[in-house]
N, C-alpha and C. Protein backbone atom coordinates (compact mmCIF):
# COMPACT_ATOMS: atom_id res chain seq x y z
N MET A 1 18.48 -4.94 40.98
CA MET A 1 19.64 -4.78 41.63
C MET A 1 20.36 -3.70 40.95
N ILE A 2 20.97 -2.91 41.61
CA ILE A 2 21.82 -1.83 41.24
C ILE A 2 23.21 -2.19 41.70
N PRO A 3 23.80 -2.72 40.56
CA PRO A 3 25.39 -2.91 40.73
C PRO A 3 26.19 -1.90 41.51
N THR A 4 27.45 -2.27 42.32
CA THR A 4 28.14 -0.98 42.62
C THR A 4 29.09 -0.98 41.33
N PRO A 5 29.98 -0.07 41.19
CA PRO A 5 30.76 0.01 39.82
C PRO A 5 31.81 -1.38 39.90
N ASN A 6 32.36 -1.91 41.11
CA ASN A 6 32.87 -3.00 41.13
C ASN A 6 32.31 -4.31 40.74
N GLU A 7 31.01 -4.49 41.13
CA GLU A 7 30.06 -5.45 40.68
C GLU A 7 29.53 -5.30 39.31
N ALA A 8 29.57 -4.04 38.85
CA ALA A 8 29.32 -3.95 37.37
C ALA A 8 30.46 -4.36 36.48
N PHE A 9 31.78 -4.15 37.04
CA PHE A 9 32.89 -4.49 36.10
C PHE A 9 32.88 -5.99 36.28
N GLU A 10 32.76 -6.77 37.33
CA GLU A 10 32.82 -8.21 37.15
C GLU A 10 31.69 -8.65 36.42
N LEU A 11 30.44 -8.26 36.43
CA LEU A 11 29.45 -8.56 35.26
C LEU A 11 30.10 -8.39 33.86
N LEU A 12 30.74 -7.14 33.77
CA LEU A 12 31.33 -6.96 32.21
C LEU A 12 32.16 -7.94 32.06
N LYS A 13 33.01 -8.33 32.86
CA LYS A 13 34.04 -9.57 32.32
C LYS A 13 33.52 -10.89 32.16
N ILE A 14 32.01 -11.02 32.57
CA ILE A 14 31.48 -12.35 32.27
C ILE A 14 31.37 -12.52 30.49
N TYR A 15 30.98 -11.22 30.08
CA TYR A 15 30.72 -11.25 28.72
C TYR A 15 31.78 -10.59 27.75
N ASN A 16 32.99 -10.11 28.34
CA ASN A 16 33.93 -9.56 27.60
C ASN A 16 35.09 -9.98 28.13
N GLN A 17 36.21 -10.36 27.28
CA GLN A 17 37.66 -10.83 27.55
C GLN A 17 38.54 -9.90 27.25
N GLY A 18 38.00 -9.22 25.93
CA GLY A 18 39.20 -8.38 25.30
C GLY A 18 39.57 -7.31 26.25
N GLU A 19 41.07 -6.98 26.21
CA GLU A 19 41.39 -5.87 26.99
C GLU A 19 40.84 -4.35 26.58
N PHE A 20 40.63 -4.51 25.18
CA PHE A 20 39.98 -3.28 24.58
C PHE A 20 38.71 -2.99 25.36
N HIS A 21 37.77 -4.08 25.32
CA HIS A 21 36.49 -3.65 25.76
C HIS A 21 36.33 -3.59 27.29
N LEU A 22 37.29 -4.11 28.09
CA LEU A 22 37.26 -3.95 29.29
C LEU A 22 37.90 -2.51 29.90
N ARG A 23 38.80 -2.28 29.25
CA ARG A 23 39.32 -0.83 29.33
C ARG A 23 38.45 0.32 29.14
N HIS A 24 37.61 0.15 27.87
CA HIS A 24 36.58 0.91 27.39
C HIS A 24 35.55 1.23 28.43
N GLY A 25 35.14 0.16 28.90
CA GLY A 25 34.14 -0.01 30.15
C GLY A 25 34.72 0.96 31.40
N LYS A 26 35.87 0.62 31.71
CA LYS A 26 36.38 1.47 32.78
C LYS A 26 36.48 2.86 32.60
N ILE A 27 36.89 3.23 31.29
CA ILE A 27 37.11 4.59 30.94
C ILE A 27 35.87 5.41 30.84
N VAL A 28 34.73 4.85 30.20
CA VAL A 28 33.57 5.42 30.03
C VAL A 28 32.69 5.25 31.53
N GLY A 29 33.10 4.39 32.25
CA GLY A 29 32.55 4.44 33.76
C GLY A 29 33.00 5.53 34.70
N ALA A 30 34.46 5.84 34.49
CA ALA A 30 34.97 6.85 35.08
C ALA A 30 34.60 8.34 34.56
N VAL A 31 34.54 8.41 33.25
CA VAL A 31 34.17 9.55 32.67
C VAL A 31 32.85 9.98 33.05
N MET A 32 31.75 8.81 33.27
CA MET A 32 30.60 9.15 33.59
C MET A 32 30.57 9.65 35.16
N HIS A 33 31.25 8.89 36.06
CA HIS A 33 31.41 9.37 37.25
C HIS A 33 31.88 10.86 37.72
N TRP A 34 33.10 11.26 36.63
CA TRP A 34 33.41 12.69 36.78
C TRP A 34 32.15 13.36 36.39
N PHE A 35 31.43 13.24 35.27
CA PHE A 35 30.19 14.12 34.77
C PHE A 35 29.12 14.15 35.94
N ALA A 36 28.96 12.90 36.38
CA ALA A 36 27.82 13.18 37.63
C ALA A 36 28.16 14.12 38.62
N ASN A 37 29.45 14.16 39.11
CA ASN A 37 29.95 15.28 40.31
C ASN A 37 29.93 16.64 39.44
N ASP A 38 30.30 16.89 38.24
CA ASP A 38 30.46 18.04 37.51
C ASP A 38 29.13 18.47 37.26
N LEU A 39 28.26 17.77 37.24
CA LEU A 39 26.78 18.51 36.84
C LEU A 39 25.86 18.26 37.86
N GLY A 40 26.16 18.12 39.22
CA GLY A 40 25.46 18.18 40.31
C GLY A 40 24.87 16.99 40.75
N TYR A 41 25.22 15.93 40.25
CA TYR A 41 24.67 14.56 40.69
C TYR A 41 25.29 13.86 41.36
N GLY A 42 26.43 14.29 42.29
CA GLY A 42 27.39 13.64 43.01
C GLY A 42 26.94 12.48 43.96
N ASP A 43 25.68 12.58 44.39
CA ASP A 43 25.15 11.46 45.12
C ASP A 43 24.79 10.38 44.34
N GLU A 44 24.67 10.43 43.03
CA GLU A 44 24.39 9.53 42.08
C GLU A 44 25.79 8.95 41.18
N ALA A 45 26.94 9.40 41.47
CA ALA A 45 28.09 9.17 40.77
C ALA A 45 28.36 7.67 40.52
N ASP A 46 28.27 6.88 41.55
CA ASP A 46 28.45 5.38 41.34
C ASP A 46 27.28 4.66 40.38
N PHE A 47 26.19 5.22 40.76
CA PHE A 47 25.23 4.68 39.59
C PHE A 47 25.43 5.16 38.04
N TRP A 48 25.83 6.38 37.92
CA TRP A 48 26.47 6.74 36.45
C TRP A 48 27.65 5.94 36.35
N GLU A 49 28.74 5.83 36.79
CA GLU A 49 29.78 5.05 36.64
C GLU A 49 29.36 3.57 36.20
N THR A 50 28.25 2.87 37.10
CA THR A 50 27.82 1.57 36.87
C THR A 50 27.23 1.66 35.34
N VAL A 51 26.36 2.43 34.90
CA VAL A 51 25.96 2.49 33.66
C VAL A 51 26.87 2.70 32.60
N GLY A 52 28.03 3.41 32.76
CA GLY A 52 29.08 3.50 31.86
C GLY A 52 29.73 2.17 31.80
N ILE A 53 30.12 1.33 32.67
CA ILE A 53 30.99 0.23 32.74
C ILE A 53 30.19 -0.75 32.11
N LEU A 54 28.85 -0.60 32.02
CA LEU A 54 28.09 -1.77 31.33
C LEU A 54 27.38 -1.38 30.29
N HIS A 55 27.60 -0.42 29.53
CA HIS A 55 26.84 0.19 28.51
C HIS A 55 27.26 -0.56 27.13
N ASP A 56 28.55 -1.33 27.16
CA ASP A 56 28.74 -2.22 26.01
C ASP A 56 28.98 -3.54 26.26
N LEU A 57 28.01 -3.99 27.42
CA LEU A 57 28.24 -5.56 27.92
C LEU A 57 27.82 -6.52 27.02
N ASP A 58 27.16 -6.21 25.67
CA ASP A 58 26.95 -7.26 24.94
C ASP A 58 27.74 -7.07 23.41
N PHE A 59 28.67 -6.13 23.33
CA PHE A 59 29.18 -5.77 22.12
C PHE A 59 30.38 -6.83 21.82
N GLU A 60 31.15 -7.25 22.72
CA GLU A 60 32.22 -8.20 22.35
C GLU A 60 31.59 -9.50 21.77
N GLN A 61 30.51 -9.97 22.41
CA GLN A 61 29.85 -11.22 22.08
C GLN A 61 28.98 -11.21 20.90
N PHE A 62 28.15 -10.28 20.92
CA PHE A 62 26.95 -9.85 19.99
C PHE A 62 26.98 -8.55 19.33
N PRO A 63 28.11 -8.39 18.52
CA PRO A 63 28.17 -6.99 18.07
C PRO A 63 26.91 -6.67 16.93
N ASP A 64 26.28 -7.50 16.40
CA ASP A 64 24.99 -7.46 15.69
C ASP A 64 23.89 -7.06 16.26
N GLU A 65 23.95 -7.54 17.65
CA GLU A 65 22.46 -7.15 18.34
C GLU A 65 23.00 -6.22 19.49
N HIS A 66 23.90 -5.58 19.26
CA HIS A 66 24.51 -4.52 20.33
C HIS A 66 23.24 -3.60 20.59
N CYS A 67 23.35 -3.33 22.09
CA CYS A 67 22.31 -2.60 22.67
C CYS A 67 20.73 -3.28 22.69
N ILE A 68 20.68 -4.49 22.15
CA ILE A 68 19.50 -5.29 22.02
C ILE A 68 19.65 -6.50 22.93
N LYS A 69 20.72 -7.13 22.77
CA LYS A 69 20.96 -8.12 23.61
C LYS A 69 21.54 -7.68 24.89
N GLU A 70 22.03 -6.64 25.15
CA GLU A 70 22.53 -6.38 26.73
C GLU A 70 21.29 -6.18 27.64
N GLN A 71 20.01 -5.70 27.13
CA GLN A 71 18.92 -5.62 27.71
C GLN A 71 18.54 -6.98 28.28
N GLU A 72 18.61 -7.97 27.48
CA GLU A 72 18.14 -9.34 27.82
C GLU A 72 19.23 -10.00 29.03
N LEU A 73 20.53 -9.73 28.60
CA LEU A 73 21.54 -10.01 29.44
C LEU A 73 21.18 -9.53 30.92
N LEU A 74 21.24 -8.08 30.80
CA LEU A 74 20.86 -7.46 32.26
C LEU A 74 19.89 -7.81 33.06
N ARG A 75 18.62 -8.06 32.29
CA ARG A 75 17.48 -8.72 32.92
C ARG A 75 17.98 -9.82 33.36
N LYS A 76 18.54 -10.84 32.80
CA LYS A 76 19.11 -12.09 33.30
C LYS A 76 19.51 -11.82 34.79
N HIS A 77 20.51 -10.92 34.70
CA HIS A 77 21.20 -10.78 35.99
C HIS A 77 20.26 -9.80 37.14
N GLU A 78 19.00 -9.55 36.58
CA GLU A 78 18.18 -8.78 37.48
C GLU A 78 18.56 -7.50 37.89
N VAL A 79 19.37 -6.97 37.06
CA VAL A 79 19.96 -5.46 37.16
C VAL A 79 18.54 -4.41 36.87
N ASP A 80 18.79 -3.34 37.54
CA ASP A 80 17.58 -2.47 37.76
C ASP A 80 17.05 -1.83 36.23
N GLU A 81 15.81 -1.71 36.02
CA GLU A 81 15.47 -1.24 34.74
C GLU A 81 15.89 0.04 34.37
N ARG A 82 16.19 1.08 35.31
CA ARG A 82 17.02 2.18 34.75
C ARG A 82 18.24 2.08 34.20
N ILE A 83 18.96 1.02 34.71
CA ILE A 83 20.28 1.00 34.16
C ILE A 83 20.12 0.35 32.68
N ILE A 84 19.23 -0.54 32.53
CA ILE A 84 18.85 -1.30 31.27
C ILE A 84 18.57 -0.15 30.40
N HIS A 85 17.64 0.65 30.71
CA HIS A 85 17.21 1.87 29.73
C HIS A 85 18.39 2.72 29.39
N ALA A 86 19.11 3.07 30.35
CA ALA A 86 20.33 3.89 30.13
C ALA A 86 21.38 3.46 29.32
N ALA A 87 21.73 2.25 29.42
CA ALA A 87 22.89 1.44 28.78
C ALA A 87 22.33 1.28 27.33
N ALA A 88 20.94 0.91 27.26
CA ALA A 88 20.57 0.60 25.67
C ALA A 88 20.32 2.03 24.92
N SER A 89 20.02 2.79 25.66
CA SER A 89 19.65 4.48 24.99
C SER A 89 21.02 4.67 24.22
N HIS A 90 22.26 4.45 24.63
CA HIS A 90 23.21 4.93 24.14
C HIS A 90 23.32 4.41 22.49
N GLY A 91 22.65 3.25 22.15
CA GLY A 91 22.36 3.07 20.65
C GLY A 91 21.30 3.59 20.05
N TYR A 92 20.75 4.82 20.53
CA TYR A 92 19.55 5.31 19.79
C TYR A 92 19.90 5.83 18.37
N ALA A 93 18.99 5.57 17.50
CA ALA A 93 19.10 5.74 16.05
C ALA A 93 20.09 5.08 15.45
N LEU A 94 20.76 4.06 16.20
CA LEU A 94 21.59 3.11 15.50
C LEU A 94 21.27 1.82 15.61
N THR A 95 20.89 1.23 16.62
CA THR A 95 20.42 -0.10 16.80
C THR A 95 18.97 -0.32 17.46
N VAL A 96 18.62 0.84 18.21
CA VAL A 96 17.41 0.87 19.01
C VAL A 96 16.59 2.02 18.98
N ASP A 97 15.35 2.00 19.19
CA ASP A 97 14.51 3.36 19.38
C ASP A 97 14.49 3.96 20.77
N ILE A 98 15.35 3.46 21.70
CA ILE A 98 15.22 3.93 23.12
C ILE A 98 16.17 5.25 23.16
N LYS A 99 15.43 6.36 23.13
CA LYS A 99 15.83 7.59 23.34
C LYS A 99 16.58 7.98 24.65
N PRO A 100 17.55 8.74 24.69
CA PRO A 100 18.20 9.11 25.98
C PRO A 100 17.36 10.00 26.32
N GLU A 101 16.91 10.32 27.58
CA GLU A 101 15.80 11.03 28.52
C GLU A 101 16.60 11.93 29.25
N HIS A 102 17.15 11.24 30.48
CA HIS A 102 17.83 11.69 31.43
C HIS A 102 19.01 12.37 30.96
N GLU A 103 19.51 13.47 31.78
CA GLU A 103 20.88 13.94 31.42
C GLU A 103 22.00 12.91 31.46
N MET A 104 21.78 12.07 32.33
CA MET A 104 22.92 10.87 32.33
C MET A 104 22.93 10.22 31.09
N GLU A 105 21.73 9.95 30.64
CA GLU A 105 21.70 8.88 29.17
C GLU A 105 22.32 9.87 28.14
N LYS A 106 22.16 11.14 28.18
CA LYS A 106 22.59 12.01 27.12
C LYS A 106 24.01 12.00 27.07
N VAL A 107 24.42 12.42 28.39
CA VAL A 107 26.02 12.20 28.63
C VAL A 107 26.51 11.03 28.27
N LEU A 108 25.97 9.86 28.47
CA LEU A 108 26.45 8.71 27.79
C LEU A 108 26.55 8.57 26.37
N TYR A 109 25.50 8.91 25.85
CA TYR A 109 25.35 8.89 24.36
C TYR A 109 26.38 9.80 23.88
N ALA A 110 26.61 10.85 24.21
CA ALA A 110 27.82 11.83 23.73
C ALA A 110 29.01 11.49 23.97
N VAL A 111 29.43 10.81 25.16
CA VAL A 111 30.94 10.47 25.36
C VAL A 111 31.54 9.13 24.97
N ASP A 112 30.33 8.09 24.79
CA ASP A 112 30.98 6.97 24.25
C ASP A 112 31.83 7.09 23.37
N GLU A 113 31.28 7.46 22.17
CA GLU A 113 32.12 7.87 20.74
C GLU A 113 33.38 8.61 21.15
N LEU A 114 33.11 9.75 21.86
CA LEU A 114 34.10 10.86 21.92
C LEU A 114 35.44 10.27 22.65
N THR A 115 34.96 9.34 23.74
CA THR A 115 36.36 8.71 24.55
C THR A 115 37.22 7.94 23.75
N GLY A 116 36.53 7.53 22.58
CA GLY A 116 37.46 6.58 21.75
C GLY A 116 38.32 7.64 20.66
N LEU A 117 37.71 8.64 20.28
CA LEU A 117 38.29 9.66 19.59
C LEU A 117 39.64 10.23 20.57
N ILE A 118 39.05 10.81 21.73
CA ILE A 118 40.32 11.50 22.38
C ILE A 118 41.16 10.34 22.81
N GLY A 119 40.88 9.20 23.07
CA GLY A 119 41.93 8.22 23.40
C GLY A 119 42.96 8.00 22.16
N ALA A 120 42.32 7.86 21.13
CA ALA A 120 43.00 7.56 19.60
C ALA A 120 44.18 8.93 19.29
N THR A 121 43.73 9.79 19.92
CA THR A 121 44.45 11.25 19.60
C THR A 121 45.49 11.09 20.68
N ALA A 122 45.14 10.95 21.97
CA ALA A 122 46.23 10.80 22.94
C ALA A 122 47.36 9.73 22.45
N MET A 123 47.08 8.87 21.96
CA MET A 123 48.00 7.83 21.58
C MET A 123 48.86 8.22 20.59
N MET A 124 48.54 9.14 19.67
CA MET A 124 49.37 9.69 18.59
C MET A 124 50.35 10.67 18.98
N ARG A 125 50.28 11.25 20.32
CA ARG A 125 51.13 11.98 20.97
C ARG A 125 52.49 11.49 21.72
N PRO A 126 53.52 11.99 21.64
CA PRO A 126 54.76 11.47 22.21
C PRO A 126 54.52 10.81 23.80
N SER A 127 53.48 11.55 24.52
CA SER A 127 53.31 11.18 25.94
C SER A 127 52.42 10.15 26.05
N LYS A 128 51.61 9.64 24.92
CA LYS A 128 50.58 8.74 24.85
C LYS A 128 49.37 9.00 26.02
N SER A 129 49.29 10.22 26.19
CA SER A 129 48.63 10.49 27.35
C SER A 129 47.51 11.66 27.12
N VAL A 130 46.46 11.68 27.84
CA VAL A 130 45.51 12.85 27.77
C VAL A 130 45.76 14.03 28.66
N MET A 131 46.88 13.76 29.41
CA MET A 131 47.21 14.64 30.53
C MET A 131 47.67 15.95 29.97
N ASP A 132 48.25 15.89 28.83
CA ASP A 132 48.83 16.96 28.11
C ASP A 132 48.15 17.14 26.77
N LEU A 133 47.05 16.80 26.48
CA LEU A 133 46.00 17.12 25.43
C LEU A 133 45.31 18.18 25.46
N GLU A 134 45.30 18.74 24.53
CA GLU A 134 44.41 20.22 24.33
C GLU A 134 43.39 20.10 23.34
N LEU A 135 42.19 20.89 23.53
CA LEU A 135 41.03 20.84 22.68
C LEU A 135 41.50 20.98 21.18
N LYS A 136 42.40 21.69 20.86
CA LYS A 136 42.98 22.12 19.58
C LYS A 136 43.36 20.74 18.91
N SER A 137 44.18 19.90 19.65
CA SER A 137 44.47 18.74 18.92
C SER A 137 43.31 17.85 18.68
N VAL A 138 42.57 17.67 19.54
CA VAL A 138 41.33 16.78 19.46
C VAL A 138 40.58 17.23 18.20
N LYS A 139 40.42 18.46 18.18
CA LYS A 139 39.49 19.18 16.93
C LYS A 139 40.12 18.93 15.68
N LYS A 140 41.59 19.15 15.72
CA LYS A 140 42.15 18.84 14.46
C LYS A 140 41.82 17.34 13.99
N LYS A 141 42.09 16.21 14.86
CA LYS A 141 41.94 14.75 14.45
C LYS A 141 40.40 14.62 14.15
N TYR A 142 39.46 15.44 14.87
CA TYR A 142 38.01 15.26 14.75
C TYR A 142 37.70 15.52 13.42
N LYS A 143 38.26 16.53 12.75
CA LYS A 143 37.90 17.08 11.32
C LYS A 143 38.39 15.99 10.43
N SER A 144 39.32 15.25 10.62
CA SER A 144 39.89 14.11 9.54
C SER A 144 39.07 13.10 9.85
N SER A 145 38.06 12.68 8.70
CA SER A 145 37.13 11.63 8.96
C SER A 145 37.89 10.12 8.86
N ASN A 146 39.01 10.19 8.25
CA ASN A 146 39.70 8.90 8.38
C ASN A 146 40.51 8.66 9.56
N PHE A 147 40.49 9.65 10.55
CA PHE A 147 41.15 9.23 11.79
C PHE A 147 40.10 8.85 12.80
N ALA A 148 40.44 7.55 13.54
CA ALA A 148 39.39 7.07 14.32
C ALA A 148 37.97 6.83 13.53
N ALA A 149 38.22 6.51 12.45
CA ALA A 149 36.91 6.56 11.75
C ALA A 149 35.56 5.72 12.19
N GLY A 150 36.01 4.56 13.39
CA GLY A 150 34.80 4.07 13.88
C GLY A 150 34.28 4.90 14.80
N CYS A 151 34.65 6.11 15.21
CA CYS A 151 33.98 6.87 16.22
C CYS A 151 32.96 7.95 15.55
N SER A 152 31.88 7.73 15.69
CA SER A 152 30.88 8.48 14.74
C SER A 152 30.96 9.91 15.17
N ARG A 153 31.17 10.82 14.37
CA ARG A 153 31.00 12.27 14.63
C ARG A 153 29.63 12.73 14.80
N GLU A 154 28.91 11.95 13.87
CA GLU A 154 27.23 12.37 14.00
C GLU A 154 26.65 11.91 15.29
N VAL A 155 26.98 10.90 15.82
CA VAL A 155 26.39 10.38 17.20
C VAL A 155 27.20 11.54 18.20
N ILE A 156 28.67 11.89 18.14
CA ILE A 156 28.92 13.01 19.03
C ILE A 156 28.21 14.25 19.01
N GLU A 157 27.97 14.62 17.82
CA GLU A 157 27.45 15.94 17.44
C GLU A 157 25.93 15.96 18.05
N ARG A 158 25.39 14.74 17.83
CA ARG A 158 23.90 14.68 18.20
C ARG A 158 23.84 14.63 19.57
N GLY A 159 24.94 14.01 20.37
CA GLY A 159 25.01 14.10 21.97
C GLY A 159 25.08 15.55 22.36
N ALA A 160 25.98 16.23 21.68
CA ALA A 160 26.06 17.48 22.10
C ALA A 160 25.04 18.58 22.10
N GLU A 161 24.24 18.11 21.06
CA GLU A 161 22.80 18.86 20.74
C GLU A 161 21.79 18.46 21.92
N MET A 162 21.78 16.99 22.12
CA MET A 162 20.96 16.75 23.08
C MET A 162 21.28 17.51 24.31
N LEU A 163 22.58 17.69 24.85
CA LEU A 163 22.71 18.33 26.23
C LEU A 163 22.88 19.75 26.13
N ASN A 164 22.34 20.33 24.78
CA ASN A 164 22.59 22.00 24.42
C ASN A 164 23.87 22.51 24.90
N TRP A 165 25.04 21.47 24.57
CA TRP A 165 26.34 22.23 24.61
C TRP A 165 26.87 22.26 23.26
N THR A 166 28.21 23.20 23.35
CA THR A 166 28.73 23.14 22.15
C THR A 166 29.62 21.89 21.97
N LEU A 167 30.17 21.69 21.02
CA LEU A 167 31.19 20.77 20.72
C LEU A 167 32.56 20.98 21.33
N ASP A 168 32.73 22.03 21.48
CA ASP A 168 34.05 22.34 22.26
C ASP A 168 33.91 22.17 23.56
N ASP A 169 32.80 22.53 24.25
CA ASP A 169 32.50 22.19 25.59
C ASP A 169 32.46 20.87 26.10
N LEU A 170 31.85 19.90 25.04
CA LEU A 170 31.95 18.40 25.43
C LEU A 170 32.98 17.87 25.27
N ILE A 171 33.83 18.21 24.05
CA ILE A 171 35.31 17.68 24.17
C ILE A 171 36.10 18.11 25.11
N SER A 172 36.20 19.38 25.64
CA SER A 172 36.95 19.96 26.78
C SER A 172 36.48 19.27 27.97
N LYS A 173 35.28 19.08 28.34
CA LYS A 173 34.99 18.44 29.72
C LYS A 173 35.26 16.92 29.47
N THR A 174 35.15 16.28 28.37
CA THR A 174 35.58 14.94 28.38
C THR A 174 36.95 14.79 28.61
N ILE A 175 37.78 15.58 27.95
CA ILE A 175 39.38 15.61 28.26
C ILE A 175 39.68 15.60 29.83
N LEU A 176 38.97 16.43 30.45
CA LEU A 176 39.03 16.66 31.81
C LEU A 176 38.71 15.36 32.36
N ALA A 177 37.50 14.70 32.32
CA ALA A 177 37.15 13.58 32.73
C ALA A 177 37.98 12.43 32.44
N MET A 178 38.56 12.49 31.31
CA MET A 178 39.52 11.26 30.95
C MET A 178 40.80 11.75 31.79
N ARG A 179 41.32 12.83 32.00
CA ARG A 179 42.23 12.89 32.84
C ARG A 179 42.21 12.54 34.34
N SER A 180 40.99 12.47 34.88
CA SER A 180 40.84 11.96 36.18
C SER A 180 40.98 10.53 36.10
N TYR A 181 40.34 9.96 35.07
CA TYR A 181 40.71 8.46 34.92
C TYR A 181 42.11 8.06 35.00
N GLU A 182 42.78 8.65 34.09
CA GLU A 182 44.49 8.47 33.86
C GLU A 182 44.96 8.52 35.27
N GLU A 183 44.82 9.66 36.02
CA GLU A 183 45.32 10.04 37.08
C GLU A 183 45.14 8.62 38.16
N ILE A 184 43.98 8.25 38.21
CA ILE A 184 43.43 7.21 39.35
C ILE A 184 44.27 6.09 38.83
N ASP A 185 44.13 5.62 37.45
CA ASP A 185 44.86 4.49 36.78
C ASP A 185 46.46 4.49 37.39
N GLU A 186 46.86 5.71 36.98
CA GLU A 186 48.31 5.74 37.28
C GLU A 186 48.77 5.35 38.69
N GLU A 187 48.01 5.79 39.56
CA GLU A 187 48.01 5.77 40.99
C GLU A 187 48.07 4.37 41.34
N ARG A 188 47.13 3.77 40.66
CA ARG A 188 46.74 2.09 40.87
C ARG A 188 48.20 1.41 40.43
N LYS A 189 48.85 1.66 39.39
CA LYS A 189 49.81 1.02 38.55
C LYS A 189 51.10 1.27 39.74
N GLN A 190 51.15 2.35 40.51
CA GLN A 190 52.31 2.71 41.39
C GLN A 190 51.99 2.20 42.83
N SER A 191 50.99 1.82 43.15
CA SER A 191 50.73 1.18 44.24
C SER A 191 50.83 -0.36 44.38
């Protein structure tokens, strides 16, 4: 089964109740959707989004088995093996030996931690928004290892290398992707 993004979010809610984890799933899903379109995979954008939504399915309840337990949970729900591989691969060299192979998996690996760092940087601004966030502000915070310490710079850099992108390109594109999510989220709040 290949869940739609809405079905994926409902599945995420079965194993995650915390607002942080639910919001992170939505953000990473939206970022993945944006990257699918940007990289020429527009016909697979919903698939990429579903992977982004489900990537941390197990983290809230099983943090010590992250990317391991989610494989079991996704199989229990008869989710397509491509989604299972992609979601689990974002734990490469951390909790699993499943290497990101497809460009989509490499993007997920690179942006998962980075969305957290960018989001934390945005929260330090008066606007609390990525809409006016620039690369130089993120890079300044990126260099401070105490800032958003839980966001692994090593993983972000390894992800950029996997994609053959500069760190600046990865950060800039991820900011743009997060802006698209924020615009959609703002529209939903107003309607």
